[in-house]
Amino acid sequence: MSQLIEALNIFLKYGDPTYPTHCEHDVLTICGIKPGDVSDEDKAKLDELGFFVGKEYPDFFISFRFGSA
């Protein structure tokens, strides 16, 4: 839980969208945060925490770790 909260706090630095997440089978998507706006340092930390920009989702950060039950 603490790593999810840490990741969400990083995302919060880049915006506070009204509807920040979307979840489908095995994928948690962060909405309203543009990957290009996030610093390389924060991207590296988010990757450690289980969030990345996927090939199928180039405009979003996603997590399979936090999207799975």
C-alpha atoms as a PDB file:
ATOM      1  CA  MET A   1       0.000   0.000   0.000  1.00  0.00           C
ATOM      2  CA  SER A   2       2.799   2.443   0.865  1.00  0.00           C
ATOM      3  CA  GLN A   3       4.347   2.102  -2.608  1.00  0.00           C
ATOM      4  CA  LEU A   4       1.016   2.857  -4.280  1.00  0.00           C
ATOM      5  CA  ILE A   5       0.627   5.964  -2.118  1.00  0.00           C
ATOM      6  CA  GLU A   6       4.192   7.020  -2.917  1.00  0.00           C
ATOM      7  CA  ALA A   7       3.471   6.700  -6.647  1.00  0.00           C
ATOM      8  CA  LEU A   8       0.220   8.646  -6.340  1.00  0.00           C
ATOM      9  CA  ASN A   9       2.060  11.439  -4.509  1.00  0.00           C
ATOM     10  CA  ILE A  10       4.531  11.657  -7.395  1.00  0.00           C
ATOM     11  CA  PHE A  11       1.647  11.887  -9.868  1.00  0.00           C
ATOM     12  CA  LEU A  12       0.043  14.598  -7.718  1.00  0.00           C
ATOM     13  CA  LYS A  13       3.048  16.845  -8.416  1.00  0.00           C
ATOM     14  CA  TYR A  14       1.957  16.887 -12.069  1.00  0.00           C
ATOM     15  CA  GLY A  15      -1.775  17.462 -11.664  1.00  0.00           C
ATOM     16  CA  ASP A  16      -4.869  16.713  -9.657  1.00  0.00           C
ATOM     17  CA  PRO A  17      -7.374  15.334 -12.175  1.00  0.00           C
ATOM     18  CA  THR A  18     -10.995  14.853 -11.142  1.00  0.00           C
ATOM     19  CA  TYR A  19     -11.022  11.266 -12.417  1.00  0.00           C
ATOM     20  CA  PRO A  20      -7.411  10.110 -11.892  1.00  0.00           C
ATOM     21  CA  THR A  21      -7.665   6.372 -12.478  1.00  0.00           C
ATOM     22  CA  HIS A  22      -9.232   3.766 -14.701  1.00  0.00           C
ATOM     23  CA  CYS A  23      -9.023   0.055 -14.037  1.00  0.00           C
ATOM     24  CA  GLU A  24      -9.708  -2.842 -16.356  1.00  0.00           C
ATOM     25  CA  HIS A  25      -8.655  -6.461 -16.186  1.00  0.00           C
ATOM     26  CA  ASP A  26      -5.118  -6.440 -14.753  1.00  0.00           C
ATOM     27  CA  VAL A  27      -4.351  -2.809 -15.718  1.00  0.00           C
ATOM     28  CA  LEU A  28      -4.564   0.300 -13.545  1.00  0.00           C
ATOM     29  CA  THR A  29      -4.304   3.420 -15.720  1.00  0.00           C
ATOM     30  CA  ILE A  30      -3.430   6.881 -14.420  1.00  0.00           C
ATOM     31  CA  CYS A  31      -5.487   9.450 -16.308  1.00  0.00           C
ATOM     32  CA  GLY A  32      -4.863  13.166 -16.717  1.00  0.00           C
ATOM     33  CA  ILE A  33      -1.080  13.071 -16.209  1.00  0.00           C
ATOM     34  CA  LYS A  34       0.913  13.460 -19.426  1.00  0.00           C
ATOM     35  CA  PRO A  35       4.028  11.266 -19.446  1.00  0.00           C
ATOM     36  CA  GLY A  36       5.968  13.981 -21.281  1.00  0.00           C
ATOM     37  CA  ASP A  37       5.439  16.354 -18.351  1.00  0.00           C
ATOM     38  CA  VAL A  38       6.981  13.960 -15.807  1.00  0.00           C
ATOM     39  CA  SER A  39      10.694  14.325 -15.073  1.00  0.00           C
ATOM     40  CA  ASP A  40      13.060  11.497 -15.974  1.00  0.00           C
ATOM     41  CA  GLU A  41      13.915  11.125 -12.289  1.00  0.00           C
ATOM     42  CA  ASP A  42      10.248  10.691 -11.365  1.00  0.00           C
ATOM     43  CA  LYS A  43       9.704   8.286 -14.269  1.00  0.00           C
ATOM     44  CA  ALA A  44      12.549   6.140 -12.972  1.00  0.00           C
ATOM     45  CA  LYS A  45      11.061   6.126  -9.466  1.00  0.00           C
ATOM     46  CA  LEU A  46       7.583   5.348 -10.810  1.00  0.00           C
ATOM     47  CA  ASP A  47       9.062   2.436 -12.746  1.00  0.00           C
ATOM     48  CA  GLU A  48      10.539   1.092  -9.494  1.00  0.00           C
ATOM     49  CA  LEU A  49       7.090   1.439  -7.946  1.00  0.00           C
ATOM     50  CA  GLY A  50       5.386  -0.477 -10.762  1.00  0.00           C
ATOM     51  CA  PHE A  51       4.147   2.275 -13.104  1.00  0.00           C
ATOM     52  CA  PHE A  52       5.366   2.763 -16.670  1.00  0.00           C
ATOM     53  CA  VAL A  53       4.306   4.080 -20.073  1.00  0.00           C
ATOM     54  CA  GLY A  54       3.359   1.059 -22.141  1.00  0.00           C
ATOM     55  CA  LYS A  55       3.592   0.578 -25.888  1.00  0.00           C
ATOM     56  CA  GLU A  56      -0.162   0.022 -26.087  1.00  0.00           C
ATOM     57  CA  TYR A  57      -0.796   3.046 -23.844  1.00  0.00           C
ATOM     58  CA  PRO A  58       1.698   5.737 -24.935  1.00  0.00           C
ATOM     59  CA  ASP A  59      -0.264   8.603 -23.376  1.00  0.00           C
ATOM     60  CA  PHE A  60      -0.747   7.032 -19.940  1.00  0.00           C
ATOM     61  CA  PHE A  61       1.114   5.533 -17.044  1.00  0.00           C
ATOM     62  CA  ILE A  62      -0.087   2.017 -16.316  1.00  0.00           C
ATOM     63  CA  SER A  63       0.525  -0.637 -13.715  1.00  0.00           C
ATOM     64  CA  PHE A  64      -0.028  -4.345 -13.924  1.00  0.00           C
ATOM     65  CA  ARG A  65       1.119  -4.673 -10.317  1.00  0.00           C
ATOM     66  CA  PHE A  66      -1.642  -2.500  -8.907  1.00  0.00           C
ATOM     67  CA  GLY A  67      -4.203  -3.436 -11.554  1.00  0.00           C
ATOM     68  CA  SER A  68      -4.272  -7.117 -10.623  1.00  0.00           C
ATOM     69  CA  ALA A  69      -6.408  -8.703  -7.961  1.00  0.00           C
END
